[in-house]
PDB file of all heavy atoms in Angstrom:
ATOM      1  N   ALA A   1      74.693 158.001  64.257  1.00  0.00           N
ATOM      2  CA  ALA A   1      75.762 157.045  64.567  1.00  0.00           C
ATOM      3  C   ALA A   1      76.362 156.522  63.274  1.00  0.00           C
ATOM      4  O   ALA A   1      77.600 156.395  63.156  1.00  0.00           O
ATOM      5  CB  ALA A   1      75.237 155.903  65.418  1.00  0.00           C
ATOM      6  N   GLY A   2      75.538 156.237  62.295  1.00  0.00           N
ATOM      7  CA  GLY A   2      76.026 155.785  60.990  1.00  0.00           C
ATOM      8  C   GLY A   2      76.837 156.862  60.288  1.00  0.00           C
ATOM      9  O   GLY A   2      77.888 156.559  59.690  1.00  0.00           O
ATOM     10  N   GLU A   3      76.393 158.094  60.356  1.00  0.00           N
ATOM     11  CA  GLU A   3      77.156 159.205  59.780  1.00  0.00           C
ATOM     12  C   GLU A   3      78.504 159.350  60.489  1.00  0.00           C
ATOM     13  O   GLU A   3      79.515 159.571  59.836  1.00  0.00           O
ATOM     14  CB  GLU A   3      76.372 160.523  59.905  1.00  0.00           C
ATOM     15  CG  GLU A   3      75.169 160.633  59.034  1.00  0.00           C
ATOM     16  CD  GLU A   3      74.399 161.926  59.322  1.00  0.00           C
ATOM     17  OE1 GLU A   3      75.052 162.990  59.450  1.00  0.00           O
ATOM     18  OE2 GLU A   3      73.167 161.853  59.441  1.00  0.00           O
ATOM     19  N   ALA A   4      78.487 159.229  61.801  1.00  0.00           N
ATOM     20  CA  ALA A   4      79.710 159.350  62.574  1.00  0.00           C
ATOM     21  C   ALA A   4      80.685 158.234  62.192  1.00  0.00           C
ATOM     22  O   ALA A   4      81.911 158.456  62.103  1.00  0.00           O
ATOM     23  CB  ALA A   4      79.412 159.304  64.068  1.00  0.00           C
ATOM     24  N   GLU A   5      80.170 157.043  61.947  1.00  0.00           N
ATOM     25  CA  GLU A   5      81.069 155.939  61.549  1.00  0.00           C
ATOM     26  C   GLU A   5      81.737 156.254  60.222  1.00  0.00           C
ATOM     27  O   GLU A   5      82.940 155.953  60.020  1.00  0.00           O
ATOM     28  CB  GLU A   5      80.307 154.626  61.438  1.00  0.00           C
ATOM     29  CG  GLU A   5      81.258 153.486  61.130  1.00  0.00           C
ATOM     30  CD  GLU A   5      80.571 152.137  60.954  1.00  0.00           C
ATOM     31  OE1 GLU A   5      79.379 152.116  60.606  1.00  0.00           O
ATOM     32  OE2 GLU A   5      81.266 151.127  61.142  1.00  0.00           O
ATOM     33  N   GLN A   6      81.021 156.850  59.299  1.00  0.00           N
ATOM     34  CA  GLN A   6      81.621 157.202  58.009  1.00  0.00           C
ATOM     35  C   GLN A   6      82.707 158.251  58.153  1.00  0.00           C
ATOM     36  O   GLN A   6      83.671 158.289  57.408  1.00  0.00           O
ATOM     37  CB  GLN A   6      80.525 157.694  57.055  1.00  0.00           C
ATOM     38  CG  GLN A   6      79.513 156.631  56.687  1.00  0.00           C
ATOM     39  CD  GLN A   6      80.140 155.357  56.148  1.00  0.00           C
ATOM     40  OE1 GLN A   6      80.972 155.396  55.260  1.00  0.00           O
ATOM     41  NE2 GLN A   6      79.747 154.235  56.724  1.00  0.00           N
ATOM     42  N   LEU A   7      82.573 159.136  59.135  1.00  0.00           N
ATOM     43  CA  LEU A   7      83.559 160.192  59.371  1.00  0.00           C
ATOM     44  C   LEU A   7      84.696 159.740  60.265  1.00  0.00           C
ATOM     45  O   LEU A   7      85.739 160.400  60.330  1.00  0.00           O
ATOM     46  CB  LEU A   7      82.857 161.384  60.027  1.00  0.00           C
ATOM     47  CG  LEU A   7      81.765 162.087  59.208  1.00  0.00           C
ATOM     48  CD1 LEU A   7      80.964 163.017  60.089  1.00  0.00           C
ATOM     49  CD2 LEU A   7      82.399 162.808  58.042  1.00  0.00           C
ATOM     50  N   SER A   8      84.504 158.628  60.944  1.00  0.00           N
ATOM     51  CA  SER A   8      85.454 158.137  61.932  1.00  0.00           C
ATOM     52  C   SER A   8      86.519 157.253  61.280  1.00  0.00           C
ATOM     53  O   SER A   8      86.283 156.638  60.231  1.00  0.00           O
ATOM     54  CB  SER A   8      84.715 157.336  62.990  1.00  0.00           C
ATOM     55  OG  SER A   8      85.594 156.709  63.858  1.00  0.00           O
ATOM     56  N   ASP A   9      87.660 157.167  61.921  1.00  0.00           N
ATOM     57  CA  ASP A   9      88.687 156.232  61.497  1.00  0.00           C
ATOM     58  C   ASP A   9      88.448 154.835  62.081  1.00  0.00           C
ATOM     59  O   ASP A   9      89.138 153.893  61.770  1.00  0.00           O
ATOM     60  CB  ASP A   9      90.089 156.716  61.971  1.00  0.00           C
ATOM     61  CG  ASP A   9      90.490 158.005  61.294  1.00  0.00           C
ATOM     62  OD1 ASP A   9      90.092 158.213  60.117  1.00  0.00           O
ATOM     63  OD2 ASP A   9      91.226 158.792  61.917  1.00  0.00           O
ATOM     64  N   HIS A  10      87.456 154.728  62.952  1.00  0.00           N
ATOM     65  CA  HIS A  10      87.185 153.501  63.704  1.00  0.00           C
ATOM     66  C   HIS A  10      85.891 152.873  63.208  1.00  0.00           C
ATOM     67  O   HIS A  10      84.898 153.567  63.007  1.00  0.00           O
ATOM     68  CB  HIS A  10      87.070 153.834  65.210  1.00  0.00           C
ATOM     69  CG  HIS A  10      86.747 152.668  66.058  1.00  0.00           C
ATOM     70  ND1 HIS A  10      87.618 151.631  66.251  1.00  0.00           N
ATOM     71  CD2 HIS A  10      85.625 152.363  66.760  1.00  0.00           C
ATOM     72  CE1 HIS A  10      87.057 150.723  67.050  1.00  0.00           C
ATOM     73  NE2 HIS A  10      85.847 151.170  67.359  1.00  0.00           N
ATOM     74  N   ARG A  11      85.886 151.569  62.982  1.00  0.00           N
ATOM     75  CA  ARG A  11      84.684 150.845  62.561  1.00  0.00           C
ATOM     76  C   ARG A  11      84.055 150.150  63.781  1.00  0.00           C
ATOM     77  O   ARG A  11      84.766 149.637  64.623  1.00  0.00           O
ATOM     78  CB  ARG A  11      85.018 149.793  61.490  1.00  0.00           C
ATOM     79  CG  ARG A  11      85.476 150.405  60.193  1.00  0.00           C
ATOM     80  CD  ARG A  11      84.345 151.197  59.517  1.00  0.00           C
ATOM     81  NE  ARG A  11      84.871 152.227  58.647  1.00  0.00           N
ATOM     82  CZ  ARG A  11      84.835 153.529  58.940  1.00  0.00           C
ATOM     83  NH1 ARG A  11      84.310 154.007  60.040  1.00  0.00           N
ATOM     84  NH2 ARG A  11      85.318 154.418  58.101  1.00  0.00           N
ATOM     85  N   PHE A  12      82.737 150.139  63.807  1.00  0.00           N
ATOM     86  CA  PHE A  12      82.007 149.556  64.923  1.00  0.00           C
ATOM     87  C   PHE A  12      80.657 149.067  64.446  1.00  0.00           C
ATOM     88  O   PHE A  12      80.196 149.505  63.387  1.00  0.00           O
ATOM     89  CB  PHE A  12      81.871 150.577  66.076  1.00  0.00           C
ATOM     90  CG  PHE A  12      81.247 151.864  65.630  1.00  0.00           C
ATOM     91  CD1 PHE A  12      79.890 152.069  65.689  1.00  0.00           C
ATOM     92  CD2 PHE A  12      82.061 152.901  65.164  1.00  0.00           C
ATOM     93  CE1 PHE A  12      79.318 153.278  65.284  1.00  0.00           C
ATOM     94  CE2 PHE A  12      81.508 154.123  64.765  1.00  0.00           C
ATOM     95  CZ  PHE A  12      80.126 154.300  64.813  1.00  0.00           C
ATOM     96  N   GLU A  13      80.043 148.232  65.225  1.00  0.00           N
ATOM     97  CA  GLU A  13      78.700 147.727  64.933  1.00  0.00           C
ATOM     98  C   GLU A  13      77.685 148.659  65.610  1.00  0.00           C
ATOM     99  O   GLU A  13      77.866 149.045  66.764  1.00  0.00           O
ATOM    100  CB  GLU A  13      78.544 146.308  65.493  1.00  0.00           C
ATOM    101  CG  GLU A  13      77.181 145.727  65.248  1.00  0.00           C
ATOM    102  CD  GLU A  13      77.016 144.320  65.830  1.00  0.00           C
ATOM    103  OE1 GLU A  13      77.999 143.763  66.362  1.00  0.00           O
ATOM    104  OE2 GLU A  13      75.888 143.803  65.750  1.00  0.00           O
ATOM    105  N   ILE A  14      76.645 149.015  64.864  1.00  0.00           N
ATOM    106  CA  ILE A  14      75.546 149.812  65.440  1.00  0.00           C
ATOM    107  C   ILE A  14      74.384 148.882  65.731  1.00  0.00           C
ATOM    108  O   ILE A  14      73.935 148.128  64.876  1.00  0.00           O
ATOM    109  CB  ILE A  14      75.100 150.910  64.470  1.00  0.00           C
ATOM    110  CG1 ILE A  14      76.262 151.868  64.179  1.00  0.00           C
ATOM    111  CG2 ILE A  14      73.885 151.662  65.015  1.00  0.00           C
ATOM    112  CD1 ILE A  14      76.012 152.860  63.058  1.00  0.00           C
ATOM    113  N   VAL A  15      73.923 148.921  66.970  1.00  0.00           N
ATOM    114  CA  VAL A  15      72.760 148.142  67.411  1.00  0.00           C
ATOM    115  C   VAL A  15      71.668 149.129  67.734  1.00  0.00           C
ATOM    116  O   VAL A  15      71.756 149.874  68.698  1.00  0.00           O
ATOM    117  CB  VAL A  15      73.108 147.263  68.641  1.00  0.00           C
ATOM    118  CG1 VAL A  15      71.883 146.474  69.089  1.00  0.00           C
ATOM    119  CG2 VAL A  15      74.294 146.366  68.381  1.00  0.00           C
ATOM    120  N   ALA A  16      70.636 149.163  66.876  1.00  0.00           N
ATOM    121  CA  ALA A  16      69.546 150.116  67.070  1.00  0.00           C
ATOM    122  C   ALA A  16      68.401 149.492  67.881  1.00  0.00           C
ATOM    123  O   ALA A  16      68.142 148.304  67.785  1.00  0.00           O
ATOM    124  CB  ALA A  16      69.012 150.584  65.716  1.00  0.00           C
ATOM    125  N   PHE A  17      67.763 150.324  68.678  1.00  0.00           N
ATOM    126  CA  PHE A  17      66.621 149.855  69.492  1.00  0.00           C
ATOM    127  C   PHE A  17      65.594 150.965  69.596  1.00  0.00           C
ATOM    128  O   PHE A  17      65.886 152.144  69.360  1.00  0.00           O
ATOM    129  CB  PHE A  17      67.068 149.411  70.887  1.00  0.00           C
ATOM    130  CG  PHE A  17      67.479 150.534  71.789  1.00  0.00           C
ATOM    131  CD1 PHE A  17      66.570 151.106  72.668  1.00  0.00           C
ATOM    132  CD2 PHE A  17      68.773 151.064  71.732  1.00  0.00           C
ATOM    133  CE1 PHE A  17      66.934 152.151  73.510  1.00  0.00           C
ATOM    134  CE2 PHE A  17      69.145 152.120  72.572  1.00  0.00           C
ATOM    135  CZ  PHE A  17      68.215 152.675  73.443  1.00  0.00           C
ATOM    136  N   ASP A  18      64.385 150.573  69.944  1.00  0.00           N
ATOM    137  CA  ASP A  18      63.295 151.524  70.175  1.00  0.00           C
ATOM    138  C   ASP A  18      62.918 151.473  71.644  1.00  0.00           C
ATOM    139  O   ASP A  18      62.341 150.496  72.106  1.00  0.00           O
ATOM    140  CB  ASP A  18      62.092 151.112  69.312  1.00  0.00           C
ATOM    141  CG  ASP A  18      60.895 152.057  69.470  1.00  0.00           C
ATOM    142  OD1 ASP A  18      60.932 152.941  70.371  1.00  0.00           O
ATOM    143  OD2 ASP A  18      59.907 151.895  68.722  1.00  0.00           O
ATOM    144  N   PRO A  19      63.255 152.519  72.421  1.00  0.00           N
ATOM    145  CA  PRO A  19      63.005 152.488  73.856  1.00  0.00           C
ATOM    146  C   PRO A  19      61.521 152.508  74.233  1.00  0.00           C
ATOM    147  O   PRO A  19      61.184 152.189  75.376  1.00  0.00           O
ATOM    148  CB  PRO A  19      63.690 153.755  74.372  1.00  0.00           C
ATOM    149  CG  PRO A  19      63.729 154.661  73.189  1.00  0.00           C
ATOM    150  CD  PRO A  19      63.864 153.763  71.990  1.00  0.00           C
ATOM    151  N   ASP A  20      60.682 152.803  73.304  1.00  0.00           N
ATOM    152  CA  ASP A  20      59.245 152.873  73.603  1.00  0.00           C
ATOM    153  C   ASP A  20      58.522 151.543  73.290  1.00  0.00           C
ATOM    154  O   ASP A  20      57.305 151.467  73.406  1.00  0.00           O
ATOM    155  CB  ASP A  20      58.585 154.022  72.828  1.00  0.00           C
ATOM    156  CG  ASP A  20      59.112 155.356  73.314  1.00  0.00           C
ATOM    157  OD1 ASP A  20      59.306 155.524  74.544  1.00  0.00           O
ATOM    158  OD2 ASP A  20      59.384 156.227  72.484  1.00  0.00           O
ATOM    159  N   ARG A  21      59.273 150.546  72.878  1.00  0.00           N
ATOM    160  CA  ARG A  21      58.691 149.251  72.573  1.00  0.00           C
ATOM    161  C   ARG A  21      59.404 148.193  73.427  1.00  0.00           C
ATOM    162  O   ARG A  21      60.526 147.795  73.147  1.00  0.00           O
ATOM    163  CB  ARG A  21      58.878 148.940  71.075  1.00  0.00           C
ATOM    164  CG  ARG A  21      58.003 147.858  70.578  1.00  0.00           C
ATOM    165  CD  ARG A  21      58.074 147.705  69.082  1.00  0.00           C
ATOM    166  NE  ARG A  21      59.401 147.267  68.689  1.00  0.00           N
ATOM    167  CZ  ARG A  21      59.981 147.588  67.545  1.00  0.00           C
ATOM    168  NH1 ARG A  21      59.351 148.361  66.690  1.00  0.00           N
ATOM    169  NH2 ARG A  21      61.171 147.145  67.247  1.00  0.00           N
ATOM    170  N   ALA A  22      58.776 147.769  74.484  1.00  0.00           N
ATOM    171  CA  ALA A  22      59.391 146.844  75.430  1.00  0.00           C
ATOM    172  C   ALA A  22      59.687 145.477  74.806  1.00  0.00           C
ATOM    173  O   ALA A  22      60.755 144.941  74.980  1.00  0.00           O
ATOM    174  CB  ALA A  22      58.518 146.668  76.661  1.00  0.00           C
ATOM    175  N   GLU A  23      58.776 144.970  74.042  1.00  0.00           N
ATOM    176  CA  GLU A  23      58.980 143.672  73.369  1.00  0.00           C
ATOM    177  C   GLU A  23      59.475 143.935  71.960  1.00  0.00           C
ATOM    178  O   GLU A  23      58.938 144.778  71.255  1.00  0.00           O
ATOM    179  CB  GLU A  23      57.664 142.889  73.337  1.00  0.00           C
ATOM    180  CG  GLU A  23      57.134 142.494  74.688  1.00  0.00           C
ATOM    181  CD  GLU A  23      58.024 141.528  75.440  1.00  0.00           C
ATOM    182  OE1 GLU A  23      58.607 140.643  74.791  1.00  0.00           O
ATOM    183  OE2 GLU A  23      58.160 141.688  76.649  1.00  0.00           O
ATOM    184  N   GLY A  24      60.456 143.194  71.538  1.00  0.00           N
ATOM    185  CA  GLY A  24      60.961 143.339  70.177  1.00  0.00           C
ATOM    186  C   GLY A  24      61.537 144.714  69.916  1.00  0.00           C
ATOM    187  O   GLY A  24      61.344 145.301  68.870  1.00  0.00           O
ATOM    188  N   ASP A  25      62.265 145.252  70.901  1.00  0.00           N
ATOM    189  CA  ASP A  25      62.772 146.622  70.824  1.00  0.00           C
ATOM    190  C   ASP A  25      63.927 146.843  69.879  1.00  0.00           C
ATOM    191  O   ASP A  25      64.407 147.931  69.708  1.00  0.00           O
ATOM    192  CB  ASP A  25      63.153 147.119  72.236  1.00  0.00           C
ATOM    193  CG  ASP A  25      64.305 146.320  72.836  1.00  0.00           C
ATOM    194  OD1 ASP A  25      64.828 145.379  72.199  1.00  0.00           O
ATOM    195  OD2 ASP A  25      64.673 146.643  73.986  1.00  0.00           O
ATOM    196  N   GLY A  26      64.440 145.802  69.253  1.00  0.00           N
ATOM    197  CA  GLY A  26      65.608 145.913  68.420  1.00  0.00           C
ATOM    198  C   GLY A  26      66.795 145.208  69.076  1.00  0.00           C
ATOM    199  O   GLY A  26      67.565 144.517  68.400  1.00  0.00           O
ATOM    200  N   LEU A  27      66.899 145.369  70.360  1.00  0.00           N
ATOM    201  CA  LEU A  27      67.938 144.623  71.085  1.00  0.00           C
ATOM    202  C   LEU A  27      67.591 143.137  71.077  1.00  0.00           C
ATOM    203  O   LEU A  27      68.480 142.287  71.044  1.00  0.00           O
ATOM    204  CB  LEU A  27      68.065 145.094  72.527  1.00  0.00           C
ATOM    205  CG  LEU A  27      68.695 146.447  72.760  1.00  0.00           C
ATOM    206  CD1 LEU A  27      68.790 146.752  74.254  1.00  0.00           C
ATOM    207  CD2 LEU A  27      70.086 146.530  72.140  1.00  0.00           C
ATOM    208  N   ASP A  28      66.285 142.799  71.058  1.00  0.00           N
ATOM    209  CA  ASP A  28      65.864 141.402  71.064  1.00  0.00           C
ATOM    210  C   ASP A  28      66.406 140.659  69.856  1.00  0.00           C
ATOM    211  O   ASP A  28      66.906 139.541  69.963  1.00  0.00           O
ATOM    212  CB  ASP A  28      64.350 141.269  71.126  1.00  0.00           C
ATOM    213  CG  ASP A  28      63.776 141.641  72.470  1.00  0.00           C
ATOM    214  OD1 ASP A  28      64.493 141.533  73.476  1.00  0.00           O
ATOM    215  OD2 ASP A  28      62.591 142.031  72.528  1.00  0.00           O
ATOM    216  N   GLY A  29      66.302 141.262  68.677  1.00  0.00           N
ATOM    217  CA  GLY A  29      66.812 140.638  67.470  1.00  0.00           C
ATOM    218  C   GLY A  29      68.326 140.452  67.512  1.00  0.00           C
ATOM    219  O   GLY A  29      68.860 139.418  67.101  1.00  0.00           O
ATOM    220  N   TRP A  30      69.003 141.456  67.993  1.00  0.00           N
ATOM    221  CA  TRP A  30      70.464 141.401  68.138  1.00  0.00           C
ATOM    222  C   TRP A  30      70.856 140.295  69.113  1.00  0.00           C
ATOM    223  O   TRP A  30      71.775 139.524  68.856  1.00  0.00           O
ATOM    224  CB  TRP A  30      71.000 142.779  68.587  1.00  0.00           C
ATOM    225  CG  TRP A  30      72.447 142.847  68.824  1.00  0.00           C
ATOM    226  CD1 TRP A  30      73.433 142.819  67.885  1.00  0.00           C
ATOM    227  CD2 TRP A  30      73.088 143.002  70.092  1.00  0.00           C
ATOM    228  NE1 TRP A  30      74.670 142.926  68.512  1.00  0.00           N
ATOM    229  CE2 TRP A  30      74.486 143.059  69.854  1.00  0.00           C
ATOM    230  CE3 TRP A  30      72.643 143.125  71.404  1.00  0.00           C
ATOM    231  CZ2 TRP A  30      75.414 143.212  70.871  1.00  0.00           C
ATOM    232  CZ3 TRP A  30      73.562 143.271  72.423  1.00  0.00           C
ATOM    233  CH2 TRP A  30      74.930 143.329  72.153  1.00  0.00           C
ATOM    234  N   LEU A  31      70.137 140.207  70.221  1.00  0.00           N
ATOM    235  CA  LEU A  31      70.437 139.176  71.225  1.00  0.00           C
ATOM    236  C   LEU A  31      70.150 137.789  70.661  1.00  0.00           C
ATOM    237  O   LEU A  31      70.967 136.859  70.817  1.00  0.00           O
ATOM    238  CB  LEU A  31      69.588 139.401  72.474  1.00  0.00           C
ATOM    239  CG  LEU A  31      69.949 140.606  73.319  1.00  0.00           C
ATOM    240  CD1 LEU A  31      68.902 140.855  74.385  1.00  0.00           C
ATOM    241  CD2 LEU A  31      71.324 140.438  73.946  1.00  0.00           C
ATOM    242  N   ALA A  32      69.007 137.615  69.978  1.00  0.00           N
ATOM    243  CA  ALA A  32      68.627 136.303  69.460  1.00  0.00           C
ATOM    244  C   ALA A  32      69.656 135.822  68.440  1.00  0.00           C
ATOM    245  O   ALA A  32      69.913 134.630  68.366  1.00  0.00           O
ATOM    246  CB  ALA A  32      67.243 136.364  68.830  1.00  0.00           C
ATOM    247  N   GLY A  33      70.234 136.718  67.694  1.00  0.00           N
ATOM    248  CA  GLY A  33      71.227 136.339  66.709  1.00  0.00           C
ATOM    249  C   GLY A  33      72.556 135.927  67.300  1.00  0.00           C
ATOM    250  O   GLY A  33      73.429 135.417  66.612  1.00  0.00           O
ATOM    251  N   ARG A  34      72.728 136.156  68.607  1.00  0.00           N
ATOM    252  CA  ARG A  34      73.998 135.863  69.260  1.00  0.00           C
ATOM    253  C   ARG A  34      73.899 134.896  70.441  1.00  0.00           C
ATOM    254  O   ARG A  34      74.796 134.082  70.638  1.00  0.00           O
ATOM    255  CB  ARG A  34      74.626 137.161  69.756  1.00  0.00           C
ATOM    256  CG  ARG A  34      75.174 137.972  68.591  1.00  0.00           C
ATOM    257  CD  ARG A  34      75.916 139.173  69.141  1.00  0.00           C
ATOM    258  NE  ARG A  34      76.747 139.792  68.112  1.00  0.00           N
ATOM    259  CZ  ARG A  34      76.295 140.411  67.043  1.00  0.00           C
ATOM    260  NH1 ARG A  34      75.018 140.535  66.838  1.00  0.00           N
ATOM    261  NH2 ARG A  34      77.122 140.941  66.186  1.00  0.00           N
ATOM    262  N   VAL A  35      72.859 134.989  71.228  1.00  0.00           N
ATOM    263  CA  VAL A  35      72.811 134.188  72.470  1.00  0.00           C
ATOM    264  C   VAL A  35      71.476 133.495  72.739  1.00  0.00           C
ATOM    265  O   VAL A  35      71.330 132.849  73.760  1.00  0.00           O
ATOM    266  CB  VAL A  35      73.164 135.045  73.706  1.00  0.00           C
ATOM    267  CG1 VAL A  35      74.594 135.507  73.628  1.00  0.00           C
ATOM    268  CG2 VAL A  35      72.222 136.223  73.879  1.00  0.00           C
ATOM    269  N   ASP A  36      70.540 133.574  71.846  1.00  0.00           N
ATOM    270  CA  ASP A  36      69.224 132.962  72.072  1.00  0.00           C
ATOM    271  C   ASP A  36      68.697 133.379  73.448  1.00  0.00           C
ATOM    272  O   ASP A  36      68.697 134.543  73.783  1.00  0.00           O
ATOM    273  CB  ASP A  36      69.290 131.457  71.893  1.00  0.00           C
ATOM    274  CG  ASP A  36      69.659 131.083  70.464  1.00  0.00           C
ATOM    275  OD1 ASP A  36      69.156 131.748  69.542  1.00  0.00           O
ATOM    276  OD2 ASP A  36      70.468 130.175  70.285  1.00  0.00           O
ATOM    277  N   ASP A  37      68.268 132.423  74.255  1.00  0.00           N
ATOM    278  CA  ASP A  37      67.712 132.760  75.561  1.00  0.00           C
ATOM    279  C   ASP A  37      68.665 132.478  76.711  1.00  0.00           C
ATOM    280  O   ASP A  37      68.241 132.409  77.867  1.00  0.00           O
ATOM    281  CB  ASP A  37      66.408 131.980  75.783  1.00  0.00           C
ATOM    282  CG  ASP A  37      65.276 132.484  74.906  1.00  0.00           C
ATOM    283  OD1 ASP A  37      65.260 133.682  74.582  1.00  0.00           O
ATOM    284  OD2 ASP A  37      64.420 131.664  74.518  1.00  0.00           O
ATOM    285  N   ASP A  38      69.950 132.370  76.410  1.00  0.00           N
ATOM    286  CA  ASP A  38      70.947 132.061  77.444  1.00  0.00           C
ATOM    287  C   ASP A  38      71.173 133.296  78.311  1.00  0.00           C
ATOM    288  O   ASP A  38      71.777 134.268  77.904  1.00  0.00           O
ATOM    289  CB  ASP A  38      72.255 131.604  76.831  1.00  0.00           C
ATOM    290  CG  ASP A  38      73.275 131.159  77.875  1.00  0.00           C
ATOM    291  OD1 ASP A  38      72.936 131.221  79.087  1.00  0.00           O
ATOM    292  OD2 ASP A  38      74.371 130.761  77.474  1.00  0.00           O
ATOM    293  N   ALA A  39      70.620 133.278  79.526  1.00  0.00           N
ATOM    294  CA  ALA A  39      70.766 134.399  80.464  1.00  0.00           C
ATOM    295  C   ALA A  39      71.735 134.044  81.571  1.00  0.00           C
ATOM    296  O   ALA A  39      71.675 134.614  82.668  1.00  0.00           O
ATOM    297  CB  ALA A  39      69.410 134.770  81.032  1.00  0.00           C
ATOM    298  N   THR A  40      72.649 133.132  81.313  1.00  0.00           N
ATOM    299  CA  THR A  40      73.652 132.779  82.302  1.00  0.00           C
ATOM    300  C   THR A  40      74.654 133.926  82.416  1.00  0.00           C
ATOM    301  O   THR A  40      75.210 134.396  81.420  1.00  0.00           O
ATOM    302  CB  THR A  40      74.416 131.497  81.862  1.00  0.00           C
ATOM    303  OG1 THR A  40      73.463 130.484  81.601  1.00  0.00           O
ATOM    304  CG2 THR A  40      75.392 131.055  82.930  1.00  0.00           C
ATOM    305  N   ASP A  41      74.892 134.359  83.620  1.00  0.00           N
ATOM    306  CA  ASP A  41      75.883 135.420  83.865  1.00  0.00           C
ATOM    307  C   ASP A  41      77.253 134.913  83.529  1.00  0.00           C
ATOM    308  O   ASP A  41      77.668 133.875  84.026  1.00  0.00           O
ATOM    309  CB  ASP A  41      75.802 135.827  85.344  1.00  0.00           C
ATOM    310  CG  ASP A  41      76.580 137.077  85.692  1.00  0.00           C
ATOM    311  OD1 ASP A  41      77.667 137.286  85.121  1.00  0.00           O
ATOM    312  OD2 ASP A  41      76.142 137.817  86.580  1.00  0.00           O
ATOM    313  N   PRO A  42      78.009 135.620  82.662  1.00  0.00           N
ATOM    314  CA  PRO A  42      79.340 135.131  82.306  1.00  0.00           C
ATOM    315  C   PRO A  42      80.386 135.251  83.398  1.00  0.00           C
ATOM    316  O   PRO A  42      81.445 134.628  83.332  1.00  0.00           O
ATOM    317  CB  PRO A  42      79.728 135.995  81.096  1.00  0.00           C
ATOM    318  CG  PRO A  42      78.929 137.231  81.236  1.00  0.00           C
ATOM    319  CD  PRO A  42      77.649 136.818  81.938  1.00  0.00           C
TER     320      PRO A  42
END
């Protein structure tokens, strides 16, 4: 994905996760940095 971004004309954020780790999978850190524990449906 990072290589593709370098070749692409479009910039985007890459959010990496580990599907074999239920807790702290990588998405957790990304979520905590943006929404903490707010699970309110928008």
